[in-house]
Amino acid sequence: MAARFYKTRSQASQACQGGKVKVNGISAKPHKLIHVGDRILIHHHGKYREIEVLGLAERGLPPAIAKTLYKEESKKTLSPEIEEKIQWLFRSIQPARRKFKGRPTKKERRQMEKFFREMGKWSH
């Protein structure tokens, strides 16, 4: 909480329960005690953050001081252009959604009837 990886305790607790937080390679429960030297892996907003604990605090601290309690490992091996292409690929893979929900409008129904009539002519 003092390091401010999540805005609220409930968000941090939900992340732990969802398996998105690992301490020394093991899924962490919300009540897990942290020690200096522990390595924490957090999956947050679609990205992984690997953190080494340098110090502990009794209560919440200002952000500038809280940042001194941990060291974040940066294992960025991909260029920003490649990351952007990967994100674009994942967005394009998502299934297409219908533009409108529910019953077709009168205009759409007429277009469908015309299409099916023409298809019927081609099948004979």
C-alpha atoms as a PDB file:
ATOM      1  CA  MET A   1       0.000   0.000   0.000  1.00  0.00           C
ATOM      2  CA  ALA A   2       2.788   2.417   0.863  1.00  0.00           C
ATOM      3  CA  ALA A   3       4.438   1.865  -2.512  1.00  0.00           C
ATOM      4  CA  ARG A   4       1.204   2.803  -4.305  1.00  0.00           C
ATOM      5  CA  PHE A   5       1.062   0.125  -7.011  1.00  0.00           C
ATOM      6  CA  TYR A   6      -2.735   0.135  -6.694  1.00  0.00           C
ATOM      7  CA  LYS A   7      -4.926   3.088  -5.753  1.00  0.00           C
ATOM      8  CA  THR A   8      -6.843   1.305  -3.005  1.00  0.00           C
ATOM      9  CA  ARG A   9      -6.410  -1.656  -0.695  1.00  0.00           C
ATOM     10  CA  SER A  10      -9.464  -3.309  -2.233  1.00  0.00           C
ATOM     11  CA  GLN A  11      -7.923  -3.112  -5.727  1.00  0.00           C
ATOM     12  CA  ALA A  12      -4.697  -4.628  -4.400  1.00  0.00           C
ATOM     13  CA  SER A  13      -6.668  -7.358  -2.641  1.00  0.00           C
ATOM     14  CA  GLN A  14      -8.635  -8.170  -5.814  1.00  0.00           C
ATOM     15  CA  ALA A  15      -5.388  -8.352  -7.805  1.00  0.00           C
ATOM     16  CA  CYS A  16      -3.956 -10.825  -5.275  1.00  0.00           C
ATOM     17  CA  GLN A  17      -7.100 -12.942  -5.328  1.00  0.00           C
ATOM     18  CA  GLY A  18      -7.063 -12.889  -9.136  1.00  0.00           C
ATOM     19  CA  GLY A  19      -3.518 -14.275  -9.232  1.00  0.00           C
ATOM     20  CA  LYS A  20      -2.016 -11.088 -10.651  1.00  0.00           C
ATOM     21  CA  VAL A  21       0.529 -10.646  -7.850  1.00  0.00           C
ATOM     22  CA  LYS A  22       3.380 -13.067  -7.207  1.00  0.00           C
ATOM     23  CA  VAL A  23       5.953 -12.862  -4.436  1.00  0.00           C
ATOM     24  CA  ASN A  24       9.169 -14.777  -5.122  1.00  0.00           C
ATOM     25  CA  GLY A  25       7.380 -16.695  -7.884  1.00  0.00           C
ATOM     26  CA  ILE A  26       4.405 -17.801  -5.744  1.00  0.00           C
ATOM     27  CA  SER A  27       0.902 -16.341  -6.021  1.00  0.00           C
ATOM     28  CA  ALA A  28       0.353 -13.976  -3.117  1.00  0.00           C
ATOM     29  CA  LYS A  29      -2.711 -13.711  -0.909  1.00  0.00           C
ATOM     30  CA  PRO A  30      -3.824 -10.266   0.325  1.00  0.00           C
ATOM     31  CA  HIS A  31      -2.393 -10.866   3.830  1.00  0.00           C
ATOM     32  CA  LYS A  32       1.057 -12.025   2.597  1.00  0.00           C
ATOM     33  CA  LEU A  33       3.903 -10.514   4.634  1.00  0.00           C
ATOM     34  CA  ILE A  34       6.608  -8.859   2.564  1.00  0.00           C
ATOM     35  CA  HIS A  35      10.271  -8.785   3.576  1.00  0.00           C
ATOM     36  CA  VAL A  36      13.212  -6.732   2.363  1.00  0.00           C
ATOM     37  CA  GLY A  37      14.754  -8.511  -0.628  1.00  0.00           C
ATOM     38  CA  ASP A  38      11.509 -10.082  -1.857  1.00  0.00           C
ATOM     39  CA  ARG A  39      10.839  -9.955  -5.592  1.00  0.00           C
ATOM     40  CA  ILE A  40       7.280  -9.070  -6.568  1.00  0.00           C
ATOM     41  CA  LEU A  41       5.758  -9.575 -10.011  1.00  0.00           C
ATOM     42  CA  ILE A  42       2.634  -7.487 -10.644  1.00  0.00           C
ATOM     43  CA  HIS A  43       0.371  -7.714 -13.688  1.00  0.00           C
ATOM     44  CA  HIS A  44      -1.317  -4.317 -13.912  1.00  0.00           C
ATOM     45  CA  HIS A  45      -3.020  -2.629 -16.881  1.00  0.00           C
ATOM     46  CA  GLY A  46      -1.842  -5.322 -19.290  1.00  0.00           C
ATOM     47  CA  LYS A  47       1.827  -4.987 -18.355  1.00  0.00           C
ATOM     48  CA  TYR A  48       4.094  -6.859 -15.992  1.00  0.00           C
ATOM     49  CA  ARG A  49       6.163  -5.043 -13.397  1.00  0.00           C
ATOM     50  CA  GLU A  50       9.006  -6.783 -11.583  1.00  0.00           C
ATOM     51  CA  ILE A  51       9.885  -5.119  -8.287  1.00  0.00           C
ATOM     52  CA  GLU A  52      12.547  -5.721  -5.656  1.00  0.00           C
ATOM     53  CA  VAL A  53      11.670  -4.636  -2.106  1.00  0.00           C
ATOM     54  CA  LEU A  54      14.379  -2.369  -0.635  1.00  0.00           C
ATOM     55  CA  GLY A  55      12.566  -1.189   2.480  1.00  0.00           C
ATOM     56  CA  LEU A  56       9.300  -1.313   4.399  1.00  0.00           C
ATOM     57  CA  ALA A  57       7.059   1.386   5.842  1.00  0.00           C
ATOM     58  CA  GLU A  58       4.695   1.335   8.806  1.00  0.00           C
ATOM     59  CA  ARG A  59       2.138   3.581   7.090  1.00  0.00           C
ATOM     60  CA  GLY A  60       1.416   5.409   3.850  1.00  0.00           C
ATOM     61  CA  LEU A  61       4.098   7.756   2.605  1.00  0.00           C
ATOM     62  CA  PRO A  62       4.306  10.542   0.040  1.00  0.00           C
ATOM     63  CA  PRO A  63       4.994   9.224  -3.475  1.00  0.00           C
ATOM     64  CA  ALA A  64       8.571  10.562  -3.610  1.00  0.00           C
ATOM     65  CA  ILE A  65       9.537   8.709  -0.425  1.00  0.00           C
ATOM     66  CA  ALA A  66       7.523   5.593  -1.313  1.00  0.00           C
ATOM     67  CA  LYS A  67       9.563   5.194  -4.518  1.00  0.00           C
ATOM     68  CA  THR A  68      12.718   4.747  -2.445  1.00  0.00           C
ATOM     69  CA  LEU A  69      11.270   1.577  -0.876  1.00  0.00           C
ATOM     70  CA  TYR A  70      11.548  -0.471  -4.075  1.00  0.00           C
ATOM     71  CA  LYS A  71      13.580  -0.883  -7.229  1.00  0.00           C
ATOM     72  CA  GLU A  72      11.754  -1.691 -10.441  1.00  0.00           C
ATOM     73  CA  GLU A  73      13.497  -3.999 -12.886  1.00  0.00           C
ATOM     74  CA  SER A  74      13.209  -2.844 -16.466  1.00  0.00           C
ATOM     75  CA  LYS A  75      13.396  -5.795 -18.842  1.00  0.00           C
ATOM     76  CA  LYS A  76      12.239  -3.960 -21.915  1.00  0.00           C
ATOM     77  CA  THR A  77      13.642  -5.897 -24.832  1.00  0.00           C
ATOM     78  CA  LEU A  78      11.119  -4.802 -27.463  1.00  0.00           C
ATOM     79  CA  SER A  79      11.203  -1.443 -29.178  1.00  0.00           C
ATOM     80  CA  PRO A  80       8.171   0.839 -28.763  1.00  0.00           C
ATOM     81  CA  GLU A  81       7.292   0.335 -32.448  1.00  0.00           C
ATOM     82  CA  ILE A  82       7.143  -3.446 -32.038  1.00  0.00           C
ATOM     83  CA  GLU A  83       5.073  -3.145 -28.834  1.00  0.00           C
ATOM     84  CA  GLU A  84       2.648  -0.873 -30.680  1.00  0.00           C
ATOM     85  CA  LYS A  85       2.336  -3.412 -33.518  1.00  0.00           C
ATOM     86  CA  ILE A  86       1.686  -6.215 -31.037  1.00  0.00           C
ATOM     87  CA  GLN A  87      -1.031  -4.164 -29.306  1.00  0.00           C
ATOM     88  CA  TRP A  88      -2.577  -3.389 -32.710  1.00  0.00           C
ATOM     89  CA  LEU A  89      -2.536  -7.098 -33.564  1.00  0.00           C
ATOM     90  CA  PHE A  90      -4.300  -8.051 -30.318  1.00  0.00           C
ATOM     91  CA  ARG A  91      -6.952  -5.375 -30.876  1.00  0.00           C
ATOM     92  CA  SER A  92      -7.556  -6.579 -34.439  1.00  0.00           C
ATOM     93  CA  ILE A  93      -7.980 -10.209 -33.333  1.00  0.00           C
ATOM     94  CA  GLN A  94     -10.935  -9.383 -31.084  1.00  0.00           C
ATOM     95  CA  PRO A  95     -14.223 -10.582 -32.555  1.00  0.00           C
ATOM     96  CA  ALA A  96     -16.164  -8.101 -34.632  1.00  0.00           C
ATOM     97  CA  ARG A  97     -19.262  -6.671 -33.001  1.00  0.00           C
ATOM     98  CA  ARG A  98     -22.510  -5.872 -34.706  1.00  0.00           C
ATOM     99  CA  LYS A  99     -23.011  -2.194 -35.237  1.00  0.00           C
ATOM    100  CA  PHE A 100     -26.616  -2.321 -34.099  1.00  0.00           C
ATOM    101  CA  LYS A 101     -28.364  -4.623 -31.650  1.00  0.00           C
ATOM    102  CA  GLY A 102     -31.873  -5.994 -31.872  1.00  0.00           C
ATOM    103  CA  ARG A 103     -34.225  -6.254 -34.792  1.00  0.00           C
ATOM    104  CA  PRO A 104     -33.319  -4.852 -38.219  1.00  0.00           C
ATOM    105  CA  THR A 105     -34.869  -1.567 -39.280  1.00  0.00           C
ATOM    106  CA  LYS A 106     -37.415  -1.415 -42.097  1.00  0.00           C
ATOM    107  CA  LYS A 107     -34.702  -0.249 -44.516  1.00  0.00           C
ATOM    108  CA  GLU A 108     -32.349  -3.067 -43.464  1.00  0.00           C
ATOM    109  CA  ARG A 109     -35.179  -5.615 -43.782  1.00  0.00           C
ATOM    110  CA  ARG A 110     -35.942  -4.440 -47.347  1.00  0.00           C
ATOM    111  CA  GLN A 111     -32.256  -4.718 -48.256  1.00  0.00           C
ATOM    112  CA  MET A 112     -32.154  -8.247 -46.819  1.00  0.00           C
ATOM    113  CA  GLU A 113     -35.296  -9.278 -48.721  1.00  0.00           C
ATOM    114  CA  LYS A 114     -33.834  -7.870 -51.946  1.00  0.00           C
ATOM    115  CA  PHE A 115     -30.585  -9.733 -51.352  1.00  0.00           C
ATOM    116  CA  PHE A 116     -32.353 -13.043 -50.678  1.00  0.00           C
ATOM    117  CA  ARG A 117     -34.612 -12.610 -53.746  1.00  0.00           C
ATOM    118  CA  GLU A 118     -31.537 -12.087 -55.917  1.00  0.00           C
ATOM    119  CA  MET A 119     -29.821 -15.079 -54.344  1.00  0.00           C
ATOM    120  CA  GLY A 120     -32.880 -17.183 -55.099  1.00  0.00           C
ATOM    121  CA  LYS A 121     -32.713 -16.153 -58.784  1.00  0.00           C
ATOM    122  CA  TRP A 122     -29.067 -17.240 -59.003  1.00  0.00           C
ATOM    123  CA  SER A 123     -29.703 -20.634 -57.463  1.00  0.00           C
ATOM    124  CA  HIS A 124     -32.201 -21.749 -60.203  1.00  0.00           C
END
